[in-house]
Amino acid sequence: MFQSVAVLGATGSIGTSTLEVIRLHRDRFQVLALSGWHQAEALGRLAQEFRPKTIVVAPGLAKTVRRVAGLTEGETVVLEGADGLVQIASSEQIDTVVTGVVGAAGLASTYAAVCAGKRVLVANKEPLVMMGPLLIRKANETGAQILPTDSEHNAVFQCLPEASQQQILGGGKLNSTPGLGRQIVGITLTASGGPFLRTPASELGRVTVKQAVKHPNWKMGSKISIDSATLMNKGLELIEACALFNLPESQVDVVVHPQSVVHSLVEFQDGSMLAQMGSADMRIPIAYSLSYPERIVSGAKPLRLTEIARLDFDRPDIGRFPCLRLAREAARTGGNAPAILNAANEIAVQAFQDKILGFMNIPELIERVLEACPYESITDINQVLSVDLMARRVAREILQAKSWPKTVSGN
């Protein structure tokens, strides 16, 4: 029996990896919907291959998609605008929604998929960061299954006992008491350390965009690569983990692991620690999430321990990379603090890419926004969206009010 799939963000790194897995299993999965926003030609080529029922693209680009894909009228519906993402995410024809839209732009469609009771493969961080507890609560109401697909959270999920996995998948059974049960002491997320792991603090102020997006292990988009360079990526994952696994931030540890072989660990009360290992390839967690509780071929290169030879672990340097500290504080505060953090980070990263802001000023701007915005509890998605807009406005005002060190020009 086919599993009908919608891939949101099909032209990005998550979408590309998802479709590579699906190509290996056309007898199991049928792509019924794709979105690609501004990448109209790339989306058109994917549409030509998969012939989905529905495509969503940015306003004004439908004709380009149709031309490249050679679509005839009535063969495929091509929608323009963000409302189209919500429409396909909640479509009755769709069983599984893969959320790979980067940034807060993916919030509404992820929420729509959960409200519609879908099997939701959450590969974008922002929805769980901005309103994780609300998403989990809604999934328990609708029967939606939220499968952690980000590599670290998927690794934690793989290491958990089946009973804990089923608890996370919901169905109205999520415990109100924090934690995964007495047998689990905590979890550890691993961080590669990014491209500046060994860079002296005195040189970080001169980091260029070109250097920041060059991740040593993972092939990712520019925004997430910069987040990895500042360690904000790991901070956002920490907030995600608290929501997904119903844990306080004190039970979520972070260690630097440059090889990116061990993706996360789970510690048990008897002293045991289970780790999930694998190549630095997103096709592994995607294949596991698509096929859970089974396992299927992902297409990833097998891990050869003798070729790795060694595994290193170290504590993250919060002094050089304060974004991780800011994220942990936001997780501890809760409420709208994670949404404020996320919005401020998106503005700061874009300002760095636009060469308005220096690399080391990214955490400075984020901290100033966190100090300027009032904290409150979160009750619904409209409130989250309002908080997001407020934090972005405050971030832009702070950016304009001060002369900031610029990114090194020409790179």
Foldseek 3Di string as FASTA:
>chain_A
DEAEEEEEQLVFQLNVLLVLQCVVPVVHYAYAEYEHEPPQLVLLVVCLVRVHQEYEYAPPRQVVSCVNSVDDPPSHHYHHDLVVLLPVLQDPVHAEYEQDDEAPSSQNSQLSNLLNQHAYADQYLPNCLQPLQVSQVSNQVRVHFYQDQHQQVLFVLVPDDPVLNVLLRHVNNPDPDAASDQFWQAKEFEALQFQCNPPDLVCQQQDALVSQQDGPAADGDSLLSNCSNLVLNVLSVLLSCCSSGRHQSVRYHYKYKNQCFFGMWIATPVGDIDTDGFGNRSLQSSQVSVDPPDHDDSPDDGDDCVVVVDIDIGHGDCVSRVSNVLSSVLSNLDARSSLLLRLLLVLLSVCQVVFQATSSCSVVLSVVLSVVDDGDHDDDDVVSVVSSVVSNVVSVVVSVVDRHHTHPPPD
